C-alpha atoms as a PDB file:
ATOM      1  CA  MET A   1      50.134 -30.060 -53.626  1.00  0.00           C
ATOM      2  CA  THR A   2      52.440 -28.351 -51.192  1.00  0.00           C
ATOM      3  CA  GLU A   3      55.223 -29.859 -49.172  1.00  0.00           C
ATOM      4  CA  THR A   4      55.516 -29.382 -45.390  1.00  0.00           C
ATOM      5  CA  LEU A   5      58.732 -29.084 -43.413  1.00  0.00           C
ATOM      6  CA  ASP A   6      58.807 -32.800 -42.608  1.00  0.00           C
ATOM      7  CA  GLY A   7      58.397 -33.751 -46.276  1.00  0.00           C
ATOM      8  CA  GLU A   8      54.688 -34.669 -46.245  1.00  0.00           C
ATOM      9  CA  ARG A   9      52.658 -33.693 -49.251  1.00  0.00           C
ATOM     10  CA  ARG A  10      49.421 -31.893 -48.426  1.00  0.00           C
ATOM     11  CA  PRO A  11      46.803 -30.667 -50.874  1.00  0.00           C
ATOM     12  CA  ARG A  12      46.469 -26.946 -51.436  1.00  0.00           C
ATOM     13  CA  LEU A  13      43.393 -25.053 -50.335  1.00  0.00           C
ATOM     14  CA  LEU A  14      42.275 -24.548 -53.933  1.00  0.00           C
ATOM     15  CA  ASP A  15      42.571 -28.279 -54.612  1.00  0.00           C
ATOM     16  CA  LEU A  16      40.484 -29.009 -51.522  1.00  0.00           C
ATOM     17  CA  ALA A  17      37.850 -26.455 -52.506  1.00  0.00           C
ATOM     18  CA  ALA A  18      37.708 -27.855 -56.038  1.00  0.00           C
ATOM     19  CA  SER A  19      37.103 -31.369 -54.690  1.00  0.00           C
ATOM     20  CA  ILE A  20      34.093 -30.357 -52.561  1.00  0.00           C
ATOM     21  CA  PRO A  21      31.436 -30.802 -55.292  1.00  0.00           C
ATOM     22  CA  ARG A  22      32.804 -34.238 -56.182  1.00  0.00           C
ATOM     23  CA  GLN A  23      32.884 -35.301 -52.538  1.00  0.00           C
ATOM     24  CA  VAL A  24      29.374 -34.016 -51.869  1.00  0.00           C
ATOM     25  CA  SER A  25      28.112 -35.807 -54.964  1.00  0.00           C
ATOM     26  CA  ARG A  26      29.782 -39.029 -53.847  1.00  0.00           C
ATOM     27  CA  LEU A  27      28.394 -38.637 -50.336  1.00  0.00           C
ATOM     28  CA  VAL A  28      24.863 -38.191 -51.678  1.00  0.00           C
ATOM     29  CA  ARG A  29      25.213 -41.250 -53.947  1.00  0.00           C
ATOM     30  CA  ASP A  30      26.555 -43.342 -51.064  1.00  0.00           C
ATOM     31  CA  GLU A  31      23.737 -42.223 -48.773  1.00  0.00           C
ATOM     32  CA  LEU A  32      21.157 -43.053 -51.445  1.00  0.00           C
ATOM     33  CA  ARG A  33      22.662 -46.524 -51.914  1.00  0.00           C
ATOM     34  CA  ALA A  34      22.622 -47.102 -48.150  1.00  0.00           C
ATOM     35  CA  ALA A  35      19.006 -45.943 -47.907  1.00  0.00           C
ATOM     36  CA  GLN A  36      18.032 -48.178 -50.839  1.00  0.00           C
ATOM     37  CA  ALA A  37      19.690 -51.200 -49.235  1.00  0.00           C
ATOM     38  CA  GLU A  38      18.024 -50.504 -45.893  1.00  0.00           C
ATOM     39  CA  LEU A  39      14.630 -50.007 -47.520  1.00  0.00           C
ATOM     40  CA  SER A  40      15.018 -53.218 -49.521  1.00  0.00           C
ATOM     41  CA  THR A  41      15.782 -55.197 -46.370  1.00  0.00           C
ATOM     42  CA  LYS A  42      12.859 -53.688 -44.489  1.00  0.00           C
ATOM     43  CA  LEU A  43      10.445 -54.258 -47.384  1.00  0.00           C
ATOM     44  CA  LYS A  44      11.450 -57.916 -47.620  1.00  0.00           C
ATOM     45  CA  ALA A  45      10.800 -58.335 -43.902  1.00  0.00           C
ATOM     46  CA  ALA A  46       7.469 -56.537 -44.255  1.00  0.00           C
ATOM     47  CA  GLY A  47       6.515 -58.809 -47.159  1.00  0.00           C
ATOM     48  CA  VAL A  48       7.229 -61.928 -45.113  1.00  0.00           C
ATOM     49  CA  GLY A  49       5.290 -60.436 -42.205  1.00  0.00           C
ATOM     50  CA  ALA A  50       2.324 -59.600 -44.455  1.00  0.00           C
ATOM     51  CA  GLY A  51       2.282 -63.148 -45.830  1.00  0.00           C
ATOM     52  CA  LEU A  52       2.324 -64.659 -42.352  1.00  0.00           C
ATOM     53  CA  LEU A  53      -0.402 -62.254 -41.249  1.00  0.00           C
ATOM     54  CA  ALA A  54      -2.586 -63.245 -44.215  1.00  0.00           C
ATOM     55  CA  GLY A  55      -2.105 -66.928 -43.385  1.00  0.00           C
ATOM     56  CA  GLY A  56      -3.004 -66.291 -39.759  1.00  0.00           C
ATOM     57  CA  LEU A  57      -6.137 -64.392 -40.772  1.00  0.00           C
ATOM     58  CA  VAL A  58      -7.285 -67.234 -43.033  1.00  0.00           C
ATOM     59  CA  LEU A  59      -6.867 -69.723 -40.197  1.00  0.00           C
ATOM     60  CA  LEU A  60      -8.697 -67.346 -37.854  1.00  0.00           C
ATOM     61  CA  LEU A  61     -11.602 -67.251 -40.299  1.00  0.00           C
ATOM     62  CA  PHE A  62     -11.799 -71.057 -40.197  1.00  0.00           C
ATOM     63  CA  ALA A  63     -11.642 -70.995 -36.397  1.00  0.00           C
ATOM     64  CA  ILE A  64     -14.482 -68.476 -36.215  1.00  0.00           C
ATOM     65  CA  ASN A  65     -16.579 -70.642 -38.533  1.00  0.00           C
ATOM     66  CA  ALA A  66     -15.960 -73.677 -36.323  1.00  0.00           C
ATOM     67  CA  LEU A  67     -16.911 -71.696 -33.207  1.00  0.00           C
ATOM     68  CA  LEU A  68     -20.095 -70.454 -34.879  1.00  0.00           C
ATOM     69  CA  ALA A  69     -21.021 -74.004 -35.837  1.00  0.00           C
ATOM     70  CA  SER A  70     -20.387 -75.039 -32.242  1.00  0.00           C
ATOM     71  CA  ALA A  71     -22.630 -72.229 -30.987  1.00  0.00           C
ATOM     72  CA  ILE A  72     -25.421 -73.288 -33.344  1.00  0.00           C
ATOM     73  CA  LEU A  73     -25.079 -76.949 -32.329  1.00  0.00           C
ATOM     74  CA  GLY A  74     -24.998 -75.994 -28.657  1.00  0.00           C
ATOM     75  CA  LEU A  75     -28.174 -73.955 -28.950  1.00  0.00           C
ATOM     76  CA  ALA A  76     -29.751 -76.774 -30.930  1.00  0.00           C
ATOM     77  CA  MET A  77     -29.687 -78.832 -27.722  1.00  0.00           C
ATOM     78  CA  VAL A  78     -32.364 -76.578 -26.213  1.00  0.00           C
ATOM     79  CA  LEU A  79     -33.946 -75.000 -29.312  1.00  0.00           C
ATOM     80  CA  PRO A  80     -34.821 -76.298 -32.759  1.00  0.00           C
ATOM     81  CA  ALA A  81     -31.774 -76.289 -35.086  1.00  0.00           C
ATOM     82  CA  TRP A  82     -33.312 -73.761 -37.475  1.00  0.00           C
ATOM     83  CA  LEU A  83     -33.978 -71.349 -34.609  1.00  0.00           C
ATOM     84  CA  SER A  84     -30.439 -71.778 -33.270  1.00  0.00           C
ATOM     85  CA  ALA A  85     -28.966 -70.955 -36.670  1.00  0.00           C
ATOM     86  CA  LEU A  86     -31.321 -67.993 -37.020  1.00  0.00           C
ATOM     87  CA  LEU A  87     -30.384 -66.568 -33.610  1.00  0.00           C
ATOM     88  CA  VAL A  88     -26.652 -66.886 -34.277  1.00  0.00           C
ATOM     89  CA  GLY A  89     -27.127 -65.285 -37.712  1.00  0.00           C
ATOM     90  CA  VAL A  90     -29.102 -62.354 -36.287  1.00  0.00           C
ATOM     91  CA  VAL A  91     -26.487 -61.717 -33.585  1.00  0.00           C
ATOM     92  CA  LEU A  92     -23.754 -61.767 -36.232  1.00  0.00           C
ATOM     93  CA  ALA A  93     -25.759 -59.382 -38.444  1.00  0.00           C
ATOM     94  CA  ILE A  94     -26.182 -56.933 -35.555  1.00  0.00           C
ATOM     95  CA  ILE A  95     -22.464 -57.041 -34.749  1.00  0.00           C
ATOM     96  CA  ALA A  96     -21.616 -56.553 -38.433  1.00  0.00           C
ATOM     97  CA  ALA A  97     -23.997 -53.579 -38.706  1.00  0.00           C
ATOM     98  CA  VAL A  98     -22.503 -51.870 -35.647  1.00  0.00           C
ATOM     99  CA  LEU A  99     -18.942 -52.407 -36.895  1.00  0.00           C
ATOM    100  CA  THR A 100     -19.905 -51.126 -40.344  1.00  0.00           C
ATOM    101  CA  LEU A 101     -21.502 -47.961 -38.969  1.00  0.00           C
ATOM    102  CA  VAL A 102     -18.524 -47.232 -36.720  1.00  0.00           C
ATOM    103  CA  GLY A 103     -16.143 -47.926 -39.611  1.00  0.00           C
ATOM    104  CA  VAL A 104     -18.003 -45.607 -41.984  1.00  0.00           C
ATOM    105  CA  ARG A 105     -18.002 -42.844 -39.359  1.00  0.00           C
ATOM    106  CA  LYS A 106     -14.244 -43.243 -38.822  1.00  0.00           C
ATOM    107  CA  LEU A 107     -13.630 -43.281 -42.587  1.00  0.00           C
ATOM    108  CA  LYS A 108     -15.508 -40.019 -43.000  1.00  0.00           C
ATOM    109  CA  GLU A 109     -13.263 -38.433 -40.368  1.00  0.00           C
ATOM    110  CA  GLY A 110     -10.184 -39.325 -42.413  1.00  0.00           C
ATOM    111  CA  VAL A 111     -11.496 -38.304 -45.839  1.00  0.00           C
ATOM    112  CA  PRO A 112     -10.021 -36.649 -47.789  1.00  0.00           C
ATOM    113  CA  PRO A 113      -6.580 -37.952 -46.825  1.00  0.00           C
ATOM    114  CA  VAL A 114      -4.984 -34.524 -47.115  1.00  0.00           C
ATOM    115  CA  PRO A 115      -2.902 -33.056 -44.295  1.00  0.00           C
ATOM    116  CA  THR A 116      -5.156 -30.012 -43.953  1.00  0.00           C
ATOM    117  CA  GLU A 117      -3.628 -28.897 -40.654  1.00  0.00           C
ATOM    118  CA  SER A 118      -0.112 -28.946 -42.146  1.00  0.00           C
ATOM    119  CA  ILE A 119      -1.299 -27.089 -45.245  1.00  0.00           C
ATOM    120  CA  ASP A 120      -2.925 -24.429 -43.086  1.00  0.00           C
ATOM    121  CA  SER A 121       0.277 -24.127 -41.050  1.00  0.00           C
ATOM    122  CA  VAL A 122       2.382 -23.668 -44.194  1.00  0.00           C
ATOM    123  CA  LYS A 123      -0.053 -21.054 -45.502  1.00  0.00           C
ATOM    124  CA  GLU A 124       0.212 -19.213 -42.198  1.00  0.00           C
ATOM    125  CA  ASP A 125       4.016 -19.357 -42.404  1.00  0.00           C
ATOM    126  CA  ILE A 126       3.890 -17.911 -45.930  1.00  0.00           C
ATOM    127  CA  ARG A 127       1.609 -15.090 -44.778  1.00  0.00           C
ATOM    128  CA  THR A 128       3.967 -14.358 -41.893  1.00  0.00           C
ATOM    129  CA  VAL A 129       7.022 -14.259 -44.151  1.00  0.00           C
ATOM    130  CA  LYS A 130       5.215 -12.037 -46.664  1.00  0.00           C
ATOM    131  CA  GLY A 131       4.196  -9.731 -43.834  1.00  0.00           C
ATOM    132  CA  THR A 132       7.768  -9.328 -42.581  1.00  0.00           C
ATOM    133  CA  ILE A 133       9.150  -8.777 -46.099  1.00  0.00           C
ATOM    134  CA  SER A 134       6.704  -6.023 -47.049  1.00  0.00           C
END
């Protein structure tokens, strides 16, 4: 420590330079703790949200079943009950088949889940750097 004209004690440049690794290490630890706390809070909120979403989806499933039963009973007023149930079942099967085909097509677009464009970009960057070095 050095003393200034007004009597204050200030650290020397060497002392400040020697404290840099300790301060950087402390800064990194503090940032990691802050990130961990933030992530923990967000994950708890996401967990509550996922639970509420699951509950809502279960209730939606019951609502859809009730609406399907209503559709069958409504058609049964003009058609035999077995034919009403058959028609509703066939319509549901067609909708399910279309959704399945579209879903499979979309899944194939995303498989494999590797960032191929980013990998190609990095490879191009490496080739460029190698070209400028040699």
